[in-house]
Amino acid sequence: MARRELIALLFLIYTVALVSANKFTVGDEHGWNPNVNYTVWAEKHKPFYVGDWLVFYYQSGQADVVQVDEVGYNKCDASNPISNYSKGRSYAFELNHTKNYYFICSYGYCYSGMKLAIKAQALPPPSPPPKAHKSDAVSVVGSRFVGSIAGFFGLVTAFWLF
């Protein structure tokens, strides 16, 4: 019974790894700090999809992450927040709906550009497999078979190691 559960768990981990979401560190190496152009950062990393994560790293006591609506974003107004996070030194936020997201810092840095607007899109449908020529059919089938066998033996090996 335990073997079956372990194999199922390993298969689930293997499958989830294939379709995992992206994690974005807001501001890259600069983090969530003043004097960073977050509009340029968002352009560099888009598109953003539902299921992606934004991770804000900031100085505790010197910055916060406030999710606001578009009006709050444009006016740097945190008086009516959707959510507000100021504990610790980091905050991870999942883009869980197809919509626009707006974040600001309420410590006064928003006026100098410490704000972020993101549009989360639905995941695109998977692209169809390329059409193979008759001469390619054997190599495509062979490579898929070898890949499947390698994946299976990887799972079996992992099973025996645990």
N, C-alpha and C. Protein backbone atom coordinates (compact mmCIF):
# COMPACT_ATOMS: atom_id res chain seq x y z
N MET A 1 0.83 -1.19 0.00
CA MET A 1 0.00 0.00 0.00
C MET A 1 0.87 1.26 0.00
N ALA A 2 1.90 1.29 0.84
CA ALA A 2 2.77 2.45 0.92
C ALA A 2 3.52 2.67 -0.39
N ARG A 3 3.89 1.57 -1.04
CA ARG A 3 4.58 1.68 -2.33
C ARG A 3 3.71 2.37 -3.37
N ARG A 4 2.47 1.96 -3.44
CA ARG A 4 1.53 2.52 -4.41
C ARG A 4 1.36 4.02 -4.15
N GLU A 5 1.23 4.40 -2.89
CA GLU A 5 1.06 5.82 -2.54
C GLU A 5 2.31 6.62 -2.90
N LEU A 6 3.49 6.04 -2.65
CA LEU A 6 4.73 6.72 -2.97
C LEU A 6 4.88 6.92 -4.47
N ILE A 7 4.56 5.90 -5.23
CA ILE A 7 4.64 6.02 -6.69
C ILE A 7 3.66 7.07 -7.18
N ALA A 8 2.46 7.08 -6.63
CA ALA A 8 1.47 8.09 -7.02
C ALA A 8 1.96 9.49 -6.67
N LEU A 9 2.57 9.64 -5.51
CA LEU A 9 3.09 10.93 -5.09
C LEU A 9 4.22 11.38 -6.01
N LEU A 10 5.13 10.49 -6.34
CA LEU A 10 6.23 10.83 -7.24
C LEU A 10 5.70 11.21 -8.62
N PHE A 11 4.71 10.50 -9.10
CA PHE A 11 4.11 10.83 -10.38
C PHE A 11 3.47 12.21 -10.33
N LEU A 12 2.77 12.51 -9.24
CA LEU A 12 2.14 13.82 -9.09
C LEU A 12 3.19 14.92 -9.08
N ILE A 13 4.27 14.74 -8.34
CA ILE A 13 5.34 15.73 -8.30
C ILE A 13 5.94 15.92 -9.68
N TYR A 14 6.17 14.83 -10.39
CA TYR A 14 6.71 14.89 -11.74
C TYR A 14 5.78 15.65 -12.67
N THR A 15 4.48 15.39 -12.58
CA THR A 15 3.50 16.06 -13.43
C THR A 15 3.39 17.53 -13.09
N VAL A 16 3.33 17.86 -11.81
CA VAL A 16 3.21 19.26 -11.40
C VAL A 16 4.43 20.05 -11.83
N ALA A 17 5.60 19.46 -11.78
CA ALA A 17 6.81 20.15 -12.19
C ALA A 17 6.76 20.54 -13.66
N LEU A 18 6.05 19.78 -14.47
CA LEU A 18 5.96 20.08 -15.89
C LEU A 18 5.08 21.29 -16.17
N VAL A 19 4.11 21.56 -15.30
CA VAL A 19 3.16 22.65 -15.54
C VAL A 19 3.23 23.70 -14.44
N SER A 20 4.36 23.84 -13.78
CA SER A 20 4.46 24.76 -12.66
C SER A 20 4.43 26.20 -13.13
N ALA A 21 3.97 27.06 -12.24
CA ALA A 21 3.88 28.49 -12.51
C ALA A 21 5.25 29.13 -12.37
N ASN A 22 5.35 30.34 -12.89
CA ASN A 22 6.59 31.10 -12.75
C ASN A 22 6.58 31.90 -11.47
N LYS A 23 7.75 32.09 -10.90
CA LYS A 23 7.92 32.93 -9.72
C LYS A 23 8.77 34.12 -10.15
N PHE A 24 8.26 35.32 -9.91
CA PHE A 24 8.96 36.54 -10.29
C PHE A 24 9.36 37.30 -9.03
N THR A 25 10.63 37.64 -8.91
CA THR A 25 11.08 38.52 -7.84
C THR A 25 10.89 39.94 -8.33
N VAL A 26 9.95 40.65 -7.71
CA VAL A 26 9.63 42.01 -8.14
C VAL A 26 10.87 42.89 -7.96
N GLY A 27 11.27 43.54 -9.05
CA GLY A 27 12.46 44.39 -9.03
C GLY A 27 13.76 43.63 -9.24
N ASP A 28 13.66 42.33 -9.49
CA ASP A 28 14.85 41.48 -9.65
C ASP A 28 15.79 41.66 -8.46
N GLU A 29 17.08 41.94 -8.73
CA GLU A 29 18.05 42.05 -7.63
C GLU A 29 17.86 43.30 -6.78
N HIS A 30 17.07 44.27 -7.26
CA HIS A 30 16.82 45.50 -6.50
C HIS A 30 15.70 45.33 -5.48
N GLY A 31 14.85 44.34 -5.68
CA GLY A 31 13.74 44.10 -4.77
C GLY A 31 12.68 45.20 -4.85
N TRP A 32 11.86 45.26 -3.82
CA TRP A 32 10.77 46.25 -3.71
C TRP A 32 11.33 47.43 -2.92
N ASN A 33 11.91 48.37 -3.64
CA ASN A 33 12.62 49.50 -3.04
C ASN A 33 12.38 50.76 -3.87
N PRO A 34 12.63 51.93 -3.27
CA PRO A 34 12.52 53.18 -4.04
C PRO A 34 13.55 53.21 -5.17
N ASN A 35 13.31 54.08 -6.13
CA ASN A 35 14.22 54.33 -7.24
C ASN A 35 14.41 53.14 -8.18
N VAL A 36 13.37 52.32 -8.28
CA VAL A 36 13.35 51.22 -9.25
C VAL A 36 12.17 51.48 -10.17
N ASN A 37 12.38 51.34 -11.47
CA ASN A 37 11.31 51.56 -12.43
C ASN A 37 10.54 50.25 -12.63
N TYR A 38 9.43 50.12 -11.92
CA TYR A 38 8.66 48.88 -11.96
C TYR A 38 7.85 48.73 -13.25
N THR A 39 7.61 49.83 -13.94
CA THR A 39 6.95 49.74 -15.25
C THR A 39 7.88 49.04 -16.23
N VAL A 40 9.13 49.42 -16.23
CA VAL A 40 10.13 48.77 -17.10
C VAL A 40 10.31 47.31 -16.68
N TRP A 41 10.35 47.06 -15.37
CA TRP A 41 10.49 45.69 -14.88
C TRP A 41 9.34 44.81 -15.38
N ALA A 42 8.10 45.32 -15.28
CA ALA A 42 6.93 44.54 -15.71
C ALA A 42 6.98 44.28 -17.22
N GLU A 43 7.38 45.28 -17.99
CA GLU A 43 7.50 45.10 -19.45
C GLU A 43 8.53 44.02 -19.78
N LYS A 44 9.61 44.00 -19.03
CA LYS A 44 10.68 43.03 -19.26
C LYS A 44 10.21 41.60 -19.00
N HIS A 45 9.33 41.42 -18.02
CA HIS A 45 8.95 40.07 -17.61
C HIS A 45 7.60 39.60 -18.12
N LYS A 46 6.83 40.47 -18.75
CA LYS A 46 5.51 40.03 -19.20
C LYS A 46 5.64 39.07 -20.37
N PRO A 47 4.68 38.23 -20.61
CA PRO A 47 3.35 38.21 -20.01
C PRO A 47 3.35 37.49 -18.66
N PHE A 48 2.39 37.87 -17.84
CA PHE A 48 2.14 37.22 -16.56
C PHE A 48 0.86 36.40 -16.71
N TYR A 49 0.85 35.22 -16.13
CA TYR A 49 -0.29 34.32 -16.27
C TYR A 49 -0.90 33.98 -14.91
N VAL A 50 -2.17 33.61 -14.95
CA VAL A 50 -2.83 33.12 -13.75
C VAL A 50 -2.03 31.94 -13.22
N GLY A 51 -1.75 31.96 -11.93
CA GLY A 51 -0.93 30.92 -11.31
C GLY A 51 0.50 31.36 -11.05
N ASP A 52 0.95 32.43 -11.72
CA ASP A 52 2.28 32.96 -11.46
C ASP A 52 2.32 33.61 -10.08
N TRP A 53 3.52 33.72 -9.55
CA TRP A 53 3.73 34.32 -8.23
C TRP A 53 4.62 35.55 -8.34
N LEU A 54 4.24 36.61 -7.62
CA LEU A 54 5.08 37.79 -7.47
C LEU A 54 5.65 37.74 -6.05
N VAL A 55 6.96 37.85 -5.93
CA VAL A 55 7.58 37.86 -4.60
C VAL A 55 8.22 39.23 -4.39
N PHE A 56 7.76 39.91 -3.36
CA PHE A 56 8.26 41.24 -3.00
C PHE A 56 9.26 41.08 -1.85
N TYR A 57 10.48 41.56 -2.04
CA TYR A 57 11.48 41.60 -0.96
C TYR A 57 11.70 43.06 -0.61
N TYR A 58 11.58 43.40 0.68
CA TYR A 58 11.68 44.80 1.10
C TYR A 58 12.31 44.90 2.48
N GLN A 59 12.64 46.13 2.87
CA GLN A 59 13.21 46.40 4.19
C GLN A 59 12.08 46.51 5.20
N SER A 60 12.09 45.65 6.21
CA SER A 60 11.06 45.67 7.24
C SER A 60 11.05 47.03 7.95
N GLY A 61 9.86 47.60 8.11
CA GLY A 61 9.72 48.89 8.77
C GLY A 61 9.97 50.08 7.87
N GLN A 62 10.44 49.85 6.63
CA GLN A 62 10.72 50.94 5.71
C GLN A 62 9.86 50.88 4.46
N ALA A 63 9.16 49.78 4.26
CA ALA A 63 8.31 49.63 3.08
C ALA A 63 7.23 48.61 3.39
N ASP A 64 6.19 48.62 2.59
CA ASP A 64 5.13 47.62 2.67
C ASP A 64 4.63 47.34 1.26
N VAL A 65 3.74 46.38 1.15
CA VAL A 65 3.12 46.04 -0.13
C VAL A 65 1.62 46.18 0.08
N VAL A 66 1.01 47.10 -0.66
CA VAL A 66 -0.43 47.34 -0.54
C VAL A 66 -1.06 47.08 -1.89
N GLN A 67 -2.01 46.16 -1.93
CA GLN A 67 -2.77 45.93 -3.16
C GLN A 67 -3.94 46.90 -3.15
N VAL A 68 -4.06 47.65 -4.24
CA VAL A 68 -5.12 48.66 -4.36
C VAL A 68 -5.83 48.49 -5.70
N ASP A 69 -6.89 49.27 -5.90
CA ASP A 69 -7.55 49.28 -7.20
C ASP A 69 -6.83 50.30 -8.10
N GLU A 70 -7.31 50.45 -9.33
CA GLU A 70 -6.65 51.33 -10.29
C GLU A 70 -6.62 52.78 -9.82
N VAL A 71 -7.70 53.24 -9.19
CA VAL A 71 -7.74 54.62 -8.69
C VAL A 71 -6.69 54.82 -7.60
N GLY A 72 -6.61 53.88 -6.66
CA GLY A 72 -5.59 53.96 -5.62
C GLY A 72 -4.18 53.93 -6.19
N TYR A 73 -3.99 53.16 -7.23
CA TYR A 73 -2.69 53.09 -7.90
C TYR A 73 -2.33 54.43 -8.53
N ASN A 74 -3.26 54.99 -9.29
CA ASN A 74 -2.99 56.26 -9.98
C ASN A 74 -2.78 57.42 -9.02
N LYS A 75 -3.46 57.40 -7.88
CA LYS A 75 -3.36 58.50 -6.90
C LYS A 75 -2.38 58.20 -5.76
N CYS A 76 -1.75 57.02 -5.79
CA CYS A 76 -0.88 56.58 -4.68
C CYS A 76 -1.64 56.68 -3.36
N ASP A 77 -2.86 56.16 -3.37
CA ASP A 77 -3.75 56.24 -2.21
C ASP A 77 -3.99 54.85 -1.64
N ALA A 78 -3.48 54.62 -0.43
CA ALA A 78 -3.63 53.32 0.22
C ALA A 78 -4.74 53.32 1.26
N SER A 79 -5.63 54.32 1.22
CA SER A 79 -6.67 54.43 2.25
C SER A 79 -7.77 53.37 2.12
N ASN A 80 -7.90 52.76 0.96
CA ASN A 80 -8.92 51.73 0.75
C ASN A 80 -8.25 50.48 0.15
N PRO A 81 -7.37 49.81 0.92
CA PRO A 81 -6.60 48.70 0.34
C PRO A 81 -7.43 47.44 0.13
N ILE A 82 -7.06 46.69 -0.88
CA ILE A 82 -7.62 45.35 -1.07
C ILE A 82 -6.91 44.40 -0.10
N SER A 83 -5.60 44.55 0.01
CA SER A 83 -4.81 43.83 1.01
C SER A 83 -3.59 44.67 1.34
N ASN A 84 -3.03 44.42 2.50
CA ASN A 84 -1.88 45.19 2.96
C ASN A 84 -0.95 44.23 3.69
N TYR A 85 0.32 44.23 3.31
CA TYR A 85 1.27 43.34 3.96
C TYR A 85 2.52 44.13 4.35
N SER A 86 2.85 44.10 5.62
CA SER A 86 4.04 44.83 6.09
C SER A 86 4.88 44.02 7.07
N LYS A 87 4.47 42.81 7.38
CA LYS A 87 5.23 41.98 8.33
C LYS A 87 6.39 41.30 7.60
N GLY A 88 7.42 41.00 8.34
CA GLY A 88 8.54 40.28 7.76
C GLY A 88 9.32 41.12 6.77
N ARG A 89 10.01 40.42 5.87
CA ARG A 89 10.85 41.09 4.87
C ARG A 89 10.50 40.67 3.45
N SER A 90 9.47 39.84 3.31
CA SER A 90 9.06 39.43 1.97
C SER A 90 7.58 39.10 1.96
N TYR A 91 7.03 39.14 0.77
CA TYR A 91 5.61 38.84 0.60
C TYR A 91 5.44 38.15 -0.75
N ALA A 92 4.81 36.99 -0.76
CA ALA A 92 4.54 36.25 -2.00
C ALA A 92 3.06 36.37 -2.32
N PHE A 93 2.77 36.74 -3.55
CA PHE A 93 1.39 36.97 -3.98
C PHE A 93 1.12 36.16 -5.24
N GLU A 94 0.07 35.35 -5.22
CA GLU A 94 -0.30 34.55 -6.40
C GLU A 94 -1.29 35.32 -7.25
N LEU A 95 -1.03 35.37 -8.53
CA LEU A 95 -1.97 35.94 -9.49
C LEU A 95 -3.01 34.86 -9.77
N ASN A 96 -4.14 34.93 -9.07
CA ASN A 96 -5.10 33.82 -9.14
C ASN A 96 -6.33 34.08 -9.99
N HIS A 97 -6.39 35.24 -10.63
CA HIS A 97 -7.52 35.54 -11.53
C HIS A 97 -7.00 36.29 -12.75
N THR A 98 -7.73 36.19 -13.84
CA THR A 98 -7.41 36.96 -15.03
C THR A 98 -7.93 38.38 -14.81
N LYS A 99 -7.01 39.30 -14.53
CA LYS A 99 -7.39 40.69 -14.28
C LYS A 99 -6.14 41.54 -14.11
N ASN A 100 -6.35 42.83 -13.90
CA ASN A 100 -5.26 43.75 -13.60
C ASN A 100 -5.05 43.80 -12.09
N TYR A 101 -3.80 43.78 -11.68
CA TYR A 101 -3.42 43.88 -10.27
C TYR A 101 -2.59 45.15 -10.09
N TYR A 102 -2.81 45.82 -8.96
CA TYR A 102 -2.11 47.07 -8.67
C TYR A 102 -1.52 47.00 -7.26
N PHE A 103 -0.24 47.36 -7.14
CA PHE A 103 0.45 47.36 -5.86
C PHE A 103 1.18 48.68 -5.68
N ILE A 104 1.16 49.19 -4.45
CA ILE A 104 1.89 50.41 -4.12
C ILE A 104 2.58 50.23 -2.77
N CYS A 105 3.50 51.15 -2.48
CA CYS A 105 4.09 51.25 -1.15
C CYS A 105 3.43 52.44 -0.47
N SER A 106 2.91 52.25 0.74
CA SER A 106 2.19 53.34 1.42
C SER A 106 3.11 54.20 2.29
N TYR A 107 4.40 53.97 2.25
CA TYR A 107 5.34 54.74 3.07
C TYR A 107 5.78 56.04 2.38
N GLY A 108 5.09 56.44 1.31
CA GLY A 108 5.43 57.67 0.61
C GLY A 108 6.26 57.47 -0.63
N TYR A 109 6.79 56.27 -0.83
CA TYR A 109 7.65 56.02 -1.98
C TYR A 109 6.87 55.84 -3.28
N CYS A 110 5.58 55.64 -3.18
CA CYS A 110 4.76 55.46 -4.38
C CYS A 110 4.88 56.67 -5.30
N TYR A 111 4.95 57.86 -4.71
CA TYR A 111 5.03 59.09 -5.51
C TYR A 111 6.30 59.16 -6.34
N SER A 112 7.33 58.43 -5.93
CA SER A 112 8.56 58.40 -6.71
C SER A 112 8.67 57.13 -7.55
N GLY A 113 7.54 56.42 -7.72
CA GLY A 113 7.50 55.29 -8.64
C GLY A 113 7.48 53.91 -8.02
N MET A 114 7.39 53.82 -6.70
CA MET A 114 7.37 52.49 -6.07
C MET A 114 5.95 51.95 -6.11
N LYS A 115 5.55 51.57 -7.33
CA LYS A 115 4.23 51.00 -7.58
C LYS A 115 4.32 50.08 -8.79
N LEU A 116 3.43 49.11 -8.83
CA LEU A 116 3.49 48.08 -9.86
C LEU A 116 2.10 47.76 -10.36
N ALA A 117 1.93 47.73 -11.67
CA ALA A 117 0.68 47.32 -12.31
C ALA A 117 0.98 46.08 -13.16
N ILE A 118 0.19 45.04 -12.96
CA ILE A 118 0.38 43.76 -13.65
C ILE A 118 -0.95 43.31 -14.23
N LYS A 119 -0.92 42.79 -15.45
CA LYS A 119 -2.11 42.17 -16.04
C LYS A 119 -1.86 40.67 -16.10
N ALA A 120 -2.70 39.91 -15.39
CA ALA A 120 -2.60 38.45 -15.41
C ALA A 120 -3.52 37.91 -16.50
N GLN A 121 -2.96 37.10 -17.37
CA GLN A 121 -3.71 36.52 -18.48
C GLN A 121 -3.96 35.03 -18.23
N ALA A 122 -4.95 34.52 -18.91
CA ALA A 122 -5.19 33.07 -18.88
C ALA A 122 -4.03 32.38 -19.59
N LEU A 123 -3.71 31.19 -19.14
CA LEU A 123 -2.66 30.42 -19.81
C LEU A 123 -3.07 30.14 -21.24
N PRO A 124 -2.15 30.27 -22.18
CA PRO A 124 -2.49 29.94 -23.56
C PRO A 124 -2.70 28.43 -23.70
N PRO A 125 -3.52 28.03 -24.67
CA PRO A 125 -3.70 26.59 -24.88
C PRO A 125 -2.39 25.98 -25.35
N PRO A 126 -2.18 24.71 -25.06
CA PRO A 126 -0.94 24.07 -25.51
C PRO A 126 -0.88 24.06 -27.03
N SER A 127 0.31 24.26 -27.55
CA SER A 127 0.45 24.25 -29.00
C SER A 127 0.36 22.82 -29.52
N PRO A 128 -0.18 22.66 -30.72
CA PRO A 128 -0.29 21.30 -31.27
C PRO A 128 1.10 20.76 -31.57
N PRO A 129 1.24 19.44 -31.51
CA PRO A 129 2.55 18.86 -31.82
C PRO A 129 2.89 19.11 -33.28
N PRO A 130 4.17 19.26 -33.59
CA PRO A 130 4.56 19.49 -34.98
C PRO A 130 4.20 18.28 -35.84
N LYS A 131 3.83 18.58 -37.07
CA LYS A 131 3.51 17.49 -38.00
C LYS A 131 4.81 16.86 -38.47
N ALA A 132 4.87 15.55 -38.36
CA ALA A 132 6.08 14.83 -38.73
C ALA A 132 5.95 14.28 -40.15
N HIS A 133 7.05 14.26 -40.84
CA HIS A 133 7.09 13.60 -42.14
C HIS A 133 7.15 12.10 -41.88
N LYS A 134 6.80 11.32 -42.89
CA LYS A 134 6.83 9.86 -42.71
C LYS A 134 8.21 9.39 -42.27
N SER A 135 9.25 10.00 -42.78
CA SER A 135 10.60 9.56 -42.41
C SER A 135 10.93 9.93 -40.96
N ASP A 136 10.24 10.95 -40.42
CA ASP A 136 10.48 11.37 -39.04
C ASP A 136 9.66 10.56 -38.04
N ALA A 137 8.66 9.84 -38.51
CA ALA A 137 7.73 9.17 -37.60
C ALA A 137 8.44 8.20 -36.67
N VAL A 138 9.37 7.43 -37.20
CA VAL A 138 10.06 6.45 -36.37
C VAL A 138 10.88 7.14 -35.31
N SER A 139 11.58 8.23 -35.66
CA SER A 139 12.42 8.90 -34.67
C SER A 139 11.57 9.58 -33.60
N VAL A 140 10.40 10.14 -33.96
CA VAL A 140 9.53 10.77 -32.98
C VAL A 140 8.99 9.73 -32.02
N VAL A 141 8.48 8.62 -32.56
CA VAL A 141 7.96 7.56 -31.70
C VAL A 141 9.08 7.00 -30.84
N GLY A 142 10.24 6.78 -31.42
CA GLY A 142 11.37 6.25 -30.66
C GLY A 142 11.80 7.18 -29.54
N SER A 143 11.88 8.49 -29.82
CA SER A 143 12.31 9.42 -28.77
C SER A 143 11.27 9.52 -27.67
N ARG A 144 9.99 9.46 -28.01
CA ARG A 144 8.95 9.48 -26.98
C ARG A 144 9.02 8.21 -26.13
N PHE A 145 9.26 7.08 -26.79
CA PHE A 145 9.36 5.83 -26.05
C PHE A 145 10.54 5.86 -25.10
N VAL A 146 11.69 6.31 -25.58
CA VAL A 146 12.89 6.38 -24.74
C VAL A 146 12.65 7.35 -23.59
N GLY A 147 12.01 8.51 -23.86
CA GLY A 147 11.70 9.47 -22.80
C GLY A 147 10.77 8.88 -21.76
N SER A 148 9.77 8.12 -22.20
CA SER A 148 8.85 7.49 -21.26
C SER A 148 9.56 6.45 -20.41
N ILE A 149 10.39 5.65 -21.04
CA ILE A 149 11.14 4.63 -20.30
C ILE A 149 12.07 5.30 -19.29
N ALA A 150 12.75 6.36 -19.70
CA ALA A 150 13.66 7.06 -18.78
C ALA A 150 12.89 7.64 -17.60
N GLY A 151 11.73 8.24 -17.87
CA GLY A 151 10.90 8.77 -16.78
C GLY A 151 10.43 7.68 -15.84
N PHE A 152 10.02 6.54 -16.41
CA PHE A 152 9.57 5.42 -15.59
C PHE A 152 10.69 4.91 -14.70
N PHE A 153 11.88 4.70 -15.28
CA PHE A 153 12.99 4.20 -14.49
C PHE A 153 13.43 5.23 -13.45
N GLY A 154 13.28 6.52 -13.75
CA GLY A 154 13.57 7.54 -12.75
C GLY A 154 12.65 7.42 -11.56
N LEU A 155 11.36 7.18 -11.83
CA LEU A 155 10.41 7.00 -10.73
C LEU A 155 10.69 5.73 -9.94
N VAL A 156 10.99 4.64 -10.64
CA VAL A 156 11.29 3.38 -9.96
C VAL A 156 12.55 3.53 -9.11
N THR A 157 13.58 4.18 -9.67
CA THR A 157 14.82 4.40 -8.91
C THR A 157 14.54 5.23 -7.67
N ALA A 158 13.77 6.30 -7.84
CA ALA A 158 13.42 7.14 -6.69
C ALA A 158 12.66 6.33 -5.65
N PHE A 159 11.79 5.44 -6.12
CA PHE A 159 11.02 4.60 -5.20
C PHE A 159 11.95 3.73 -4.35
N TRP A 160 12.92 3.12 -5.00
CA TRP A 160 13.81 2.21 -4.27
C TRP A 160 14.75 2.97 -3.35
N LEU A 161 15.06 4.23 -3.68
CA LEU A 161 15.94 5.02 -2.81
C LEU A 161 15.24 5.44 -1.54
N PHE A 162 13.93 5.60 -1.60
CA PHE A 162 13.18 6.02 -0.42
C PHE A 162 12.73 4.80 0.27
